[in-house]
Amino acid sequence: MTATQAPGPSGGWADRLLAEGTDPDPRFTLANERTFLAWIRTALALIAGGIGVALSGDLVDAPLRIGLAIVFSGTGALVAALAFRRWLRTERALRRAETLPPPALAPLMSYGLAATAIVLLVALLATR
């Protein structure tokens, strides 16, 4: 599809995206999709980690356990939502032959997971 073709009758987000620019090399689109799926796997792992912490029993005291479970699960939900936004922004930039947007998820994940891991480590050491 090229920029001269009109969006389909539904006018959804996919039609609006495809109406912009020109089709990029399929390798770039597929690489963007693989990156999206990697972020989704990360989100699922975070949610599973939240469930694991919630079910950890006496390993961590109840208030901290609940808080960490909420942080992990909430971060997983946020990563899943932001993953689609990143995919869409990157796909749009590819279609427009623009510079790719910087990864906003990377610092969030790096610093957020580091801080959460430190809190968990301190909690485990304090309870033993």
Protein backbone atom coordinates (compact mmCIF):
# COMPACT_ATOMS: atom_id res chain seq x y z
CA MET A 1 0.00 0.00 0.00
CA THR A 2 1.32 3.48 -0.78
CA ALA A 3 0.46 6.93 0.51
CA THR A 4 -1.91 7.44 -2.41
CA GLN A 5 -4.27 4.68 -1.30
CA ALA A 6 -7.12 5.66 0.99
CA PRO A 7 -7.77 3.93 4.30
CA GLY A 8 -10.25 1.08 4.31
CA PRO A 9 -13.91 1.52 5.23
CA SER A 10 -13.37 0.83 8.94
CA GLY A 11 -10.89 3.71 9.39
CA GLY A 12 -9.18 1.84 12.27
CA TRP A 13 -5.64 2.37 13.50
CA ALA A 14 -4.22 -0.16 11.01
CA ASP A 15 -5.84 1.60 8.06
CA ARG A 16 -4.54 4.97 9.25
CA LEU A 17 -1.04 3.51 9.68
CA LEU A 18 -1.00 1.93 6.24
CA ALA A 19 -2.19 5.17 4.64
CA GLU A 20 1.05 6.88 5.75
CA GLY A 21 4.27 6.76 3.74
CA THR A 22 5.26 3.65 1.82
CA ASP A 23 5.80 0.04 2.72
CA PRO A 24 9.23 -0.45 4.31
CA ASP A 25 11.44 -3.42 3.59
CA PRO A 26 9.58 -6.40 5.10
CA ARG A 27 12.69 -7.37 7.08
CA PHE A 28 12.41 -4.15 9.08
CA THR A 29 8.71 -4.61 9.73
CA LEU A 30 9.30 -8.20 10.86
CA ALA A 31 12.21 -7.13 13.09
CA ASN A 32 9.91 -4.52 14.66
CA GLU A 33 7.33 -7.23 15.27
CA ARG A 34 9.92 -9.52 16.89
CA THR A 35 10.94 -6.68 19.20
CA PHE A 36 7.28 -6.13 20.12
CA LEU A 37 6.89 -9.82 20.92
CA ALA A 38 10.04 -9.73 23.09
CA TRP A 39 8.51 -6.88 25.13
CA ILE A 40 5.28 -8.88 25.45
CA ARG A 41 7.26 -11.88 26.74
CA THR A 42 8.94 -9.58 29.24
CA ALA A 43 5.54 -8.27 30.35
CA LEU A 44 4.27 -11.84 30.84
CA ALA A 45 7.40 -12.70 32.87
CA LEU A 46 6.84 -9.68 35.10
CA ILE A 47 3.22 -10.62 35.67
CA ALA A 48 4.25 -14.21 36.44
CA GLY A 49 6.88 -12.85 38.84
CA GLY A 50 4.18 -10.84 40.57
CA ILE A 51 2.07 -13.94 40.96
CA GLY A 52 5.09 -15.87 42.23
CA VAL A 53 5.89 -13.23 44.84
CA ALA A 54 2.23 -13.10 45.88
CA LEU A 55 2.25 -16.86 46.45
CA SER A 56 5.67 -16.98 48.14
CA GLY A 57 4.13 -17.57 51.56
CA ASP A 58 6.41 -16.90 54.51
CA LEU A 59 9.44 -16.05 52.36
CA VAL A 60 8.55 -12.34 52.54
CA ASP A 61 6.32 -10.58 55.08
CA ALA A 62 2.74 -10.00 53.91
CA PRO A 63 2.71 -6.20 53.39
CA LEU A 64 5.96 -6.23 51.40
CA ARG A 65 4.91 -9.37 49.51
CA ILE A 66 1.66 -7.75 48.43
CA GLY A 67 3.43 -4.53 47.49
CA LEU A 68 6.04 -6.33 45.39
CA ALA A 69 3.36 -8.44 43.71
CA ILE A 70 1.50 -5.26 42.78
CA VAL A 71 4.70 -3.61 41.51
CA PHE A 72 5.69 -6.60 39.36
CA SER A 73 2.20 -7.17 37.96
CA GLY A 74 1.56 -3.46 37.41
CA THR A 75 4.91 -3.08 35.65
CA GLY A 76 4.03 -6.04 33.44
CA ALA A 77 0.75 -4.40 32.48
CA LEU A 78 2.53 -1.10 31.77
CA VAL A 79 5.18 -2.80 29.64
CA ALA A 80 2.50 -4.58 27.62
CA ALA A 81 0.70 -1.29 26.95
CA LEU A 82 3.89 0.59 26.10
CA ALA A 83 5.11 -2.24 23.85
CA PHE A 84 2.27 -1.63 21.41
CA ARG A 85 2.89 2.12 21.50
CA ARG A 86 6.58 1.51 20.73
CA TRP A 87 5.74 -0.88 17.89
CA LEU A 88 3.32 1.65 16.38
CA ARG A 89 5.74 4.59 16.64
CA THR A 90 8.55 2.52 15.10
CA GLU A 91 6.34 1.21 12.30
CA ARG A 92 5.17 4.75 11.53
CA ALA A 93 8.78 5.98 11.41
CA LEU A 94 9.73 3.12 9.09
CA ARG A 95 6.86 3.95 6.73
CA ARG A 96 7.85 7.63 6.71
CA ALA A 97 11.59 6.89 6.34
CA GLU A 98 12.24 8.87 9.54
CA THR A 99 14.70 8.35 12.36
CA LEU A 100 13.48 5.64 14.69
CA PRO A 101 12.17 6.83 18.07
CA PRO A 102 14.34 6.14 21.12
CA PRO A 103 13.24 3.20 23.28
CA ALA A 104 11.30 4.71 26.19
CA LEU A 105 10.83 1.27 27.75
CA ALA A 106 14.54 0.56 28.24
CA PRO A 107 15.25 3.02 31.08
CA LEU A 108 11.94 2.20 32.75
CA MET A 109 12.76 -1.49 32.74
CA SER A 110 16.41 -1.10 33.71
CA TYR A 111 15.99 1.26 36.64
CA GLY A 112 12.62 -0.11 37.74
CA LEU A 113 13.77 -3.72 37.87
CA ALA A 114 17.03 -2.77 39.57
CA ALA A 115 15.16 -0.85 42.28
CA THR A 116 12.63 -3.64 42.77
CA ALA A 117 15.38 -6.26 42.97
CA ILE A 118 17.17 -4.24 45.63
CA VAL A 119 13.98 -3.89 47.67
CA LEU A 120 13.38 -7.65 47.39
CA LEU A 121 16.97 -8.44 48.35
CA VAL A 122 16.84 -6.16 51.39
CA ALA A 123 13.51 -7.69 52.40
CA LEU A 124 14.85 -11.22 52.11
CA LEU A 125 17.97 -10.38 54.11
CA ALA A 126 15.98 -8.52 56.76
CA THR A 127 13.60 -11.44 57.33
CA ARG A 128 16.32 -14.09 57.67
